[in-house]
Amino acid sequence: MKIKMLRAIEILDSRGRPTLKVYCELTNQIVGEASVPAGASRGKGEAREIRDGNLARFGGYGCLKAIQCVQEKINPELRGMSIIPQFELDQRLLDLDGTPEKSNLGANAILGVSLAYARAVARINEERFYLYFASLLGMRPAHLPRLTINLFSGGMHAGAQIPIQDVLIIPVKSRSVLSSLESAFCVYSSAVDLIRKRYGMRWLTADEGGLAPPFTDVSEMLDASVEAIELAGLSVGTEIALGVDLAASQFYNSNKYYIDGKVLSGQEMVNLIEKWTREYPIISIEDALAQEDWNSWSKLNRAVGESCQVLGDDLLCTRVDRMKKAEEFDAVNALLLKPNQVGTLLEASQALQLARRFNWRVAMSARSGETEDNWLSDLAVGWGADQIKIGSITQSDRLSKYNRLLEIEAETGLPVWEWALEDSNL
């Protein structure tokens, strides 16, 4: 059995911008397909997407050049190739590109091919996709990821009406995906009622489905999150805890943080975050500091890392070299894993395995520009992610992934990962 053809088309992501859908057709007529997400808040170390740059077409976001990379550069090299192990295929893609940042072929084209090939090969033996992913690392799924769910949004996901990017609810006591979503529905519905009464605001959502009322500062955002949990009849901290994604690089300039009308040094920003963790049931902090402010990251991890997950996204970019530097600085205790930050399943697996060697937690993450493809859910289960960050409980691009987790849960009966609350800030 061999690869017969690789092709790609433009589709629209959840923001209405173009992205790629790649098809891998085998000689036995099996076809695998995969759609590629795109981020808004991006780390400097992320692999490069190929975009057209033609402002007369989709404002420059077109993906015709990336399609050419798939069909005119990758396809001629791989067409007629016998089926080989996934990571060997990925290495061929990396060698064909030949650059650390994927500037020749584009991370969007490369990841689309990597995933479409994976799905095609899984279908050869009618293998569940999550079991295929698990087999790549010699694993057997033992749990489902715990959900971390967007409630309120700001930053680049919501027009920067408030500097930080997201407040998430974490159903820490739920024993299943279904019960986690039930709790999330109650809190989200309470939040919708709350902002309608307080701000006279209709049910409008940000890129990842979070609500985006005109908060005046971060404390108001956190207070409203706590109030929504209470209005839902759930216990704050015991049943529902909070996660915060600051995306701090977005409000960092000239070694200062510009937040809530204040200009803070790195140490002052650390002090502010530590204060939040004392006053609110926050058990996860993502991108709390700018991606090059390494010394402040070390201070933050020392200050709150025993009781709170310190999660690196833009800081790490799912890259092994940045992860090694973070370990040297003792900067984080958790990795936010995004395959499109590096471009292949091979590189994503290397980041996962390194995180486990460092004894870090791993959260699998979607992007702000998503599609209805649900491969992320299978990957999170197959690779044993501790958590998954998909977005809120609205919009088909988010729900396709939650619904896939529900399918896997019904099929396997696996429990969700247990958060060690005795070590957390509750």
Protein backbone atom coordinates (compact mmCIF):
# COMPACT_ATOMS: atom_id res chain seq x y z
CA MET A 1 0.00 0.00 0.00
CA LYS A 2 1.26 3.43 -0.96
CA ILE A 3 0.42 7.12 -0.92
CA LYS A 4 -1.50 7.87 -4.10
CA MET A 5 -1.98 11.62 -3.69
CA LEU A 6 -1.78 14.54 -1.30
CA ARG A 7 -4.02 17.52 -1.95
CA ALA A 8 -5.42 20.48 -0.04
CA ILE A 9 -8.22 23.02 -0.20
CA GLU A 10 -8.94 26.30 1.56
CA ILE A 11 -11.64 26.21 4.20
CA LEU A 12 -12.67 28.88 6.72
CA ASP A 13 -11.78 28.68 10.39
CA SER A 14 -13.92 29.86 13.30
CA ARG A 15 -12.87 33.50 12.75
CA GLY A 16 -13.87 33.37 9.09
CA ARG A 17 -10.25 33.31 7.93
CA PRO A 18 -8.85 30.74 5.49
CA THR A 19 -7.00 27.67 6.67
CA LEU A 20 -6.09 24.33 5.13
CA LYS A 21 -7.85 21.00 4.87
CA VAL A 22 -5.44 18.35 3.65
CA TYR A 23 -6.33 14.98 2.12
CA CYS A 24 -4.06 11.93 1.99
CA GLU A 25 -5.35 9.30 -0.45
CA LEU A 26 -3.85 5.80 -0.40
CA THR A 27 -3.73 3.31 -3.25
CA ASN A 28 -6.45 1.18 -1.61
CA GLN A 29 -8.81 4.20 -1.87
CA ILE A 30 -8.66 4.98 1.85
CA VAL A 31 -8.52 8.73 2.43
CA GLY A 32 -7.42 10.55 5.56
CA GLU A 33 -8.15 14.23 6.05
CA ALA A 34 -7.25 16.88 8.60
CA SER A 35 -7.98 20.57 9.13
CA VAL A 36 -5.36 22.91 10.55
CA PRO A 37 -6.05 25.51 13.29
CA ALA A 38 -4.44 28.94 13.66
CA GLY A 39 -3.71 31.12 16.68
CA ALA A 40 -4.18 34.83 17.38
CA SER A 41 -1.88 35.17 20.39
CA ARG A 42 1.36 33.60 19.19
CA GLY A 43 4.72 33.05 20.75
CA LYS A 44 7.84 34.34 19.04
CA GLY A 45 9.13 30.78 18.84
CA GLU A 46 6.15 29.37 16.93
CA ALA A 47 6.74 27.69 13.61
CA ARG A 48 5.84 29.86 10.65
CA GLU A 49 2.58 29.56 8.76
CA ILE A 50 2.57 30.20 5.03
CA ARG A 51 0.00 32.86 4.11
CA ASP A 52 -0.49 34.57 0.76
CA GLY A 53 -0.09 38.17 1.92
CA ASN A 54 -2.36 39.40 -0.88
CA LEU A 55 -4.43 42.11 0.79
CA ALA A 56 -6.95 42.03 -2.04
CA ARG A 57 -7.90 38.48 -1.06
CA PHE A 58 -9.03 37.59 2.48
CA GLY A 59 -7.01 40.54 3.79
CA GLY A 60 -3.76 38.70 3.16
CA TYR A 61 -4.77 35.58 5.13
CA GLY A 62 -5.27 33.39 2.05
CA CYS A 63 -3.67 29.94 1.98
CA LEU A 64 -3.16 29.33 -1.74
CA LYS A 65 0.63 29.32 -1.28
CA ALA A 66 0.29 26.71 1.46
CA ILE A 67 -1.87 24.61 -0.87
CA GLN A 68 0.88 24.86 -3.47
CA CYS A 69 3.36 23.62 -0.87
CA VAL A 70 1.20 20.55 -0.26
CA GLN A 71 0.43 19.77 -3.89
CA GLU A 72 3.54 20.94 -5.75
CA LYS A 73 6.32 20.39 -3.21
CA ILE A 74 5.27 17.72 -0.70
CA ASN A 75 3.06 15.57 -2.96
CA PRO A 76 5.73 14.93 -5.64
CA GLU A 77 8.17 13.81 -2.90
CA LEU A 78 5.77 11.47 -1.10
CA ARG A 79 3.51 10.21 -3.90
CA GLY A 80 4.16 6.50 -4.50
CA MET A 81 5.86 6.06 -1.13
CA SER A 82 4.99 2.89 0.78
CA ILE A 83 3.35 3.26 4.16
CA ILE A 84 6.02 3.92 6.78
CA PRO A 85 5.86 4.66 10.54
CA GLN A 86 4.35 8.05 11.40
CA PHE A 87 7.47 9.60 12.85
CA GLU A 88 9.54 8.57 9.81
CA LEU A 89 7.00 10.33 7.61
CA ASP A 90 7.23 13.42 9.83
CA GLN A 91 11.02 13.39 9.66
CA ARG A 92 10.82 13.33 5.87
CA LEU A 93 8.62 16.41 6.00
CA LEU A 94 11.12 18.16 8.27
CA ASP A 95 14.02 17.24 6.00
CA LEU A 96 12.09 18.44 2.96
CA ASP A 97 11.46 21.81 4.60
CA GLY A 98 14.99 22.10 5.97
CA THR A 99 14.45 25.12 8.26
CA PRO A 100 13.90 25.33 12.03
CA GLU A 101 10.91 27.66 11.62
CA LYS A 102 9.22 25.74 8.72
CA SER A 103 9.62 28.76 6.45
CA ASN A 104 9.92 26.77 3.20
CA LEU A 105 6.78 24.65 3.40
CA GLY A 106 4.90 26.29 6.27
CA ALA A 107 3.84 24.71 9.55
CA ASN A 108 0.22 24.76 8.38
CA ALA A 109 1.00 22.68 5.28
CA ILE A 110 3.30 20.30 7.17
CA LEU A 111 0.91 19.68 10.05
CA GLY A 112 -1.99 19.12 7.66
CA VAL A 113 -0.02 16.43 5.84
CA SER A 114 1.20 14.85 9.10
CA LEU A 115 -2.33 14.56 10.50
CA ALA A 116 -4.02 13.53 7.24
CA TYR A 117 -1.45 10.74 6.85
CA ALA A 118 -2.06 9.67 10.46
CA ARG A 119 -5.80 9.45 9.92
CA ALA A 120 -5.38 7.51 6.69
CA VAL A 121 -3.04 4.96 8.29
CA ALA A 122 -5.36 4.56 11.28
CA ARG A 123 -8.18 3.75 8.87
CA ILE A 124 -6.20 0.99 7.17
CA ASN A 125 -6.84 -1.26 10.17
CA GLU A 126 -10.06 0.49 11.23
CA GLU A 127 -8.21 1.61 14.35
CA ARG A 128 -9.67 4.19 16.73
CA PHE A 129 -7.76 7.42 16.20
CA TYR A 130 -6.91 7.83 19.89
CA LEU A 131 -5.51 4.28 19.93
CA TYR A 132 -3.42 5.05 16.86
CA PHE A 133 -1.96 8.09 18.62
CA ALA A 134 -1.32 6.05 21.75
CA SER A 135 0.48 3.37 19.74
CA LEU A 136 2.97 5.94 18.45
CA LEU A 137 4.34 6.24 21.98
CA GLY A 138 3.70 2.68 23.13
CA MET A 139 0.94 3.87 25.44
CA ARG A 140 -2.52 2.69 26.42
CA PRO A 141 -5.09 5.36 27.38
CA ALA A 142 -5.68 5.34 31.14
CA HIS A 143 -7.74 8.50 31.61
CA LEU A 144 -9.50 11.33 29.82
CA PRO A 145 -8.22 14.90 30.13
CA ARG A 146 -9.84 17.19 32.67
CA LEU A 147 -11.64 20.10 31.04
CA THR A 148 -10.56 23.72 31.46
CA ILE A 149 -13.36 25.80 29.95
CA ASN A 150 -13.40 29.45 28.87
CA LEU A 151 -15.91 31.60 30.76
CA PHE A 152 -14.84 35.23 30.21
CA SER A 153 -12.45 36.51 27.55
CA GLY A 154 -10.40 39.62 26.84
CA GLY A 155 -7.08 40.39 25.20
CA MET A 156 -6.67 39.47 21.53
CA HIS A 157 -9.60 37.07 21.76
CA ALA A 158 -12.09 39.85 22.55
CA GLY A 159 -10.88 43.15 21.17
CA ALA A 160 -8.65 43.89 24.19
CA GLN A 161 -11.52 45.35 26.23
CA ILE A 162 -9.48 44.05 29.17
CA PRO A 163 -5.78 43.17 28.99
CA ILE A 164 -5.76 39.52 30.08
CA GLN A 165 -6.98 36.88 27.66
CA ASP A 166 -9.22 34.40 29.48
CA VAL A 167 -10.67 33.26 32.78
CA LEU A 168 -11.49 29.57 32.70
CA ILE A 169 -13.61 27.39 34.95
CA ILE A 170 -12.23 24.02 35.99
CA PRO A 171 -14.75 21.43 37.28
CA VAL A 172 -12.26 19.91 39.69
CA LYS A 173 -14.57 17.38 41.35
CA SER A 174 -16.38 16.09 38.26
CA ARG A 175 -15.60 12.46 37.58
CA SER A 176 -16.59 12.48 33.92
CA VAL A 177 -16.55 14.67 30.84
CA LEU A 178 -20.34 14.67 30.83
CA SER A 179 -20.66 15.91 34.41
CA SER A 180 -17.93 18.50 33.75
CA LEU A 181 -19.94 19.88 30.84
CA GLU A 182 -23.11 19.86 32.93
CA SER A 183 -21.40 22.01 35.55
CA ALA A 184 -19.95 24.26 32.85
CA PHE A 185 -23.41 24.75 31.36
CA CYS A 186 -24.78 25.86 34.74
CA VAL A 187 -21.97 28.35 35.33
CA TYR A 188 -22.02 29.68 31.77
CA SER A 189 -25.80 30.16 31.90
CA SER A 190 -25.46 32.02 35.20
CA ALA A 191 -22.75 34.21 33.69
CA VAL A 192 -25.02 35.04 30.72
CA ASP A 193 -27.76 36.15 33.13
CA LEU A 194 -25.27 38.07 35.24
CA ILE A 195 -23.85 40.17 32.41
CA ARG A 196 -27.30 40.79 30.96
CA LYS A 197 -28.49 42.26 34.25
CA ARG A 198 -25.29 44.06 35.20
CA TYR A 199 -24.11 45.35 31.83
CA GLY A 200 -27.29 45.19 29.75
CA MET A 201 -25.31 43.01 27.38
CA ARG A 202 -26.61 40.43 24.93
CA TRP A 203 -25.07 36.97 24.66
CA LEU A 204 -22.01 37.88 22.56
CA THR A 205 -18.89 35.77 22.54
CA ALA A 206 -15.17 36.10 21.82
CA ASP A 207 -13.00 33.96 19.51
CA GLU A 208 -13.15 30.87 21.71
CA GLY A 209 -16.74 31.32 22.87
CA GLY A 210 -16.01 33.15 26.12
CA LEU A 211 -18.26 35.99 27.20
CA ALA A 212 -16.76 39.46 26.87
CA PRO A 213 -18.56 42.14 28.89
CA PRO A 214 -16.90 45.55 29.45
CA PHE A 215 -15.07 44.80 32.68
CA THR A 216 -13.15 47.74 34.12
CA ASP A 217 -10.27 45.66 35.49
CA VAL A 218 -9.10 42.10 36.09
CA SER A 219 -10.48 41.94 39.63
CA GLU A 220 -13.96 42.68 38.30
CA MET A 221 -13.52 39.83 35.81
CA LEU A 222 -12.48 37.43 38.56
CA ASP A 223 -15.24 38.61 40.91
CA ALA A 224 -17.83 37.98 38.19
CA SER A 225 -16.42 34.48 37.65
CA VAL A 226 -16.82 33.65 41.33
CA GLU A 227 -20.31 35.13 41.37
CA ALA A 228 -21.36 33.07 38.34
CA ILE A 229 -20.23 29.88 40.09
CA GLU A 230 -22.19 30.80 43.20
CA LEU A 231 -25.30 31.69 41.18
CA ALA A 232 -25.07 28.26 39.56
CA GLY A 233 -25.36 26.71 43.01
CA LEU A 234 -21.86 25.24 42.90
CA SER A 235 -19.15 25.48 45.51
CA VAL A 236 -16.37 27.93 44.67
CA GLY A 237 -13.01 26.20 44.89
CA THR A 238 -14.39 22.84 45.95
CA GLU A 239 -16.44 22.01 42.86
CA ILE A 240 -15.32 24.71 40.43
CA ALA A 241 -11.90 26.36 40.49
CA LEU A 242 -10.46 29.00 38.17
CA GLY A 243 -7.71 29.13 35.61
CA VAL A 244 -6.33 32.39 34.17
CA ASP A 245 -4.65 32.90 30.79
CA LEU A 246 -2.96 36.29 30.90
CA ALA A 247 -1.15 36.21 27.53
CA ALA A 248 1.05 38.78 29.24
CA SER A 249 3.30 39.43 26.25
CA GLN A 250 0.38 41.35 24.76
CA PHE A 251 0.56 44.05 27.44
CA TYR A 252 4.35 44.04 27.96
CA ASN A 253 6.58 46.71 26.49
CA SER A 254 10.06 48.02 27.33
CA ASN A 255 10.37 45.69 30.33
CA LYS A 256 7.10 46.91 31.85
CA TYR A 257 3.59 45.47 32.17
CA TYR A 258 0.70 47.80 31.33
CA ILE A 259 -2.34 46.45 33.12
CA ASP A 260 -5.44 48.01 34.71
CA GLY A 261 -4.07 51.52 34.25
CA LYS A 262 -0.81 50.67 36.03
CA VAL A 263 2.76 50.26 34.84
CA LEU A 264 4.42 47.38 36.68
CA SER A 265 7.91 45.93 36.84
CA GLY A 266 8.40 42.17 36.56
CA GLN A 267 8.54 41.80 40.35
CA GLU A 268 5.43 43.92 40.78
CA MET A 269 3.61 41.77 38.23
CA VAL A 270 4.63 38.66 40.15
CA ASN A 271 3.33 40.27 43.34
CA LEU A 272 0.01 41.08 41.68
CA ILE A 273 -0.45 37.51 40.43
CA GLU A 274 0.45 36.12 43.84
CA LYS A 275 -2.21 38.41 45.34
CA TRP A 276 -4.82 37.06 42.91
CA THR A 277 -3.98 33.49 43.86
CA ARG A 278 -4.54 34.35 47.53
CA GLU A 279 -7.87 36.07 46.92
CA TYR A 280 -9.40 33.78 44.30
CA PRO A 281 -9.58 29.98 43.79
CA ILE A 282 -7.00 30.05 40.98
CA ILE A 283 -5.22 26.74 40.41
CA SER A 284 -3.74 27.38 36.95
CA ILE A 285 -1.96 30.44 35.52
CA GLU A 286 -1.02 30.47 31.84
CA ASP A 287 1.46 32.85 30.22
CA ALA A 288 1.45 34.97 33.34
CA LEU A 289 4.53 36.89 32.20
CA ALA A 290 6.12 37.97 28.94
CA GLN A 291 7.79 35.25 26.90
CA GLU A 292 11.30 36.70 27.30
CA ASP A 293 11.02 37.81 30.93
CA TRP A 294 12.72 34.65 32.17
CA ASN A 295 13.84 35.93 35.57
CA SER A 296 10.31 36.97 36.49
CA TRP A 297 9.00 33.54 35.50
CA SER A 298 11.44 31.98 37.96
CA LYS A 299 10.24 34.29 40.71
CA LEU A 300 6.61 33.48 39.97
CA ASN A 301 7.15 29.72 39.99
CA ARG A 302 8.95 29.97 43.31
CA ALA A 303 6.14 32.11 44.71
CA VAL A 304 3.09 30.10 43.63
CA GLY A 305 4.31 26.90 41.97
CA GLU A 306 3.71 24.71 45.01
CA SER A 307 -0.01 25.49 45.07
CA CYS A 308 -0.74 26.55 41.48
CA GLN A 309 -0.07 25.23 38.00
CA VAL A 310 2.32 27.60 36.20
CA LEU A 311 1.60 26.90 32.55
CA GLY A 312 3.81 27.89 29.63
CA ASP A 313 2.30 28.57 26.22
CA ASP A 314 3.89 31.49 24.33
CA LEU A 315 6.88 31.01 26.62
CA LEU A 316 7.47 27.45 25.40
CA CYS A 317 5.78 27.20 21.97
CA THR A 318 5.83 23.37 22.28
CA ARG A 319 9.55 23.57 21.49
CA VAL A 320 12.11 21.35 23.14
CA ASP A 321 14.83 24.02 23.21
CA ARG A 322 12.61 26.52 25.02
CA MET A 323 11.41 23.81 27.40
CA LYS A 324 15.00 23.00 28.33
CA LYS A 325 15.67 26.66 29.03
CA ALA A 326 12.51 26.87 31.15
CA GLU A 327 13.67 23.89 33.19
CA GLU A 328 17.05 25.57 33.74
CA PHE A 329 15.29 28.70 35.00
CA ASP A 330 12.72 26.67 36.99
CA ALA A 331 10.19 28.83 35.18
CA VAL A 332 7.11 26.58 34.90
CA ASN A 333 5.63 23.31 36.08
CA ALA A 334 3.32 22.60 33.13
CA LEU A 335 3.33 22.62 29.32
CA LEU A 336 0.51 23.79 27.09
CA LEU A 337 0.95 21.51 24.10
CA LYS A 338 -0.15 22.84 20.69
CA PRO A 339 0.88 20.70 17.71
CA ASN A 340 0.58 23.55 15.22
CA GLN A 341 3.21 25.52 17.14
CA VAL A 342 5.84 23.05 15.89
CA GLY A 343 4.25 21.49 12.80
CA THR A 344 4.44 17.69 13.18
CA LEU A 345 3.26 14.95 15.50
CA LEU A 346 6.91 13.90 15.88
CA GLU A 347 7.96 17.23 17.38
CA ALA A 348 4.82 17.46 19.52
CA SER A 349 5.57 13.99 20.92
CA GLN A 350 9.13 15.03 21.75
CA ALA A 351 7.79 18.00 23.71
CA LEU A 352 5.32 15.75 25.53
CA GLN A 353 7.97 13.24 26.49
CA LEU A 354 10.36 15.93 27.68
CA ALA A 355 7.61 17.47 29.82
CA ARG A 356 7.05 14.09 31.45
CA ARG A 357 10.78 13.74 32.14
CA PHE A 358 10.68 17.14 33.82
CA ASN A 359 7.68 15.97 35.86
CA TRP A 360 5.52 18.73 34.39
CA ARG A 361 1.80 18.49 33.83
CA VAL A 362 0.60 18.58 30.23
CA ALA A 363 -2.46 20.39 28.92
CA MET A 364 -3.45 19.86 25.27
CA SER A 365 -4.82 23.00 23.63
CA ALA A 366 -6.92 24.11 20.68
CA ARG A 367 -6.34 27.50 19.04
CA SER A 368 -8.47 30.62 18.74
CA GLY A 369 -8.94 29.95 15.02
CA GLU A 370 -10.39 26.43 15.00
CA THR A 371 -12.31 24.10 12.68
CA GLU A 372 -14.91 21.38 13.18
CA ASP A 373 -12.18 18.72 13.00
CA ASN A 374 -11.90 16.83 16.29
CA TRP A 375 -8.44 15.20 16.05
CA LEU A 376 -7.27 17.16 19.10
CA SER A 377 -9.57 15.18 21.41
CA ASP A 378 -8.21 11.85 20.16
CA LEU A 379 -4.66 13.12 20.52
CA ALA A 380 -5.26 14.29 24.10
CA VAL A 381 -6.68 10.92 25.08
CA GLY A 382 -4.10 8.87 23.20
CA TRP A 383 -1.16 10.79 24.65
CA GLY A 384 -2.52 10.91 28.19
CA ALA A 385 -2.85 14.69 28.53
CA ASP A 386 -3.76 15.76 32.05
CA GLN A 387 -6.04 18.55 30.82
CA ILE A 388 -7.54 19.86 27.62
CA LYS A 389 -8.25 23.48 26.75
CA ILE A 390 -10.78 23.69 23.93
CA GLY A 391 -12.66 26.92 24.59
CA SER A 392 -16.16 27.58 25.82
CA ILE A 393 -19.25 25.39 25.40
CA THR A 394 -20.57 27.22 22.34
CA GLN A 395 -19.69 27.17 18.63
CA SER A 396 -19.38 24.05 16.50
CA ASP A 397 -15.59 24.30 16.31
CA ARG A 398 -15.45 23.85 20.10
CA LEU A 399 -18.37 21.46 20.50
CA SER A 400 -17.02 19.00 17.93
CA LYS A 401 -14.10 18.35 20.26
CA TYR A 402 -16.19 18.16 23.45
CA ASN A 403 -18.62 15.83 21.70
CA ARG A 404 -15.75 13.63 20.54
CA LEU A 405 -14.59 13.33 24.16
CA LEU A 406 -18.12 12.30 25.10
CA GLU A 407 -18.00 9.59 22.43
CA ILE A 408 -14.66 8.30 23.70
CA GLU A 409 -15.96 8.39 27.27
CA ALA A 410 -19.05 6.35 26.34
CA GLU A 411 -16.88 3.86 24.45
CA THR A 412 -14.11 3.39 27.01
CA GLY A 413 -15.57 4.28 30.40
CA LEU A 414 -12.28 5.96 31.27
CA PRO A 415 -12.28 8.43 34.18
CA VAL A 416 -11.06 12.00 33.89
CA TRP A 417 -7.64 12.88 35.24
CA GLU A 418 -7.65 13.66 38.96
CA TRP A 419 -6.36 17.07 40.02
CA ALA A 420 -4.42 16.79 43.28
CA LEU A 421 -6.39 19.46 45.12
CA GLU A 422 -4.52 19.01 48.38
CA ASP A 423 -1.52 20.57 46.61
CA SER A 424 -3.52 23.35 45.01
CA ASN A 425 -4.54 26.85 45.97
CA LEU A 426 -7.96 25.97 47.42
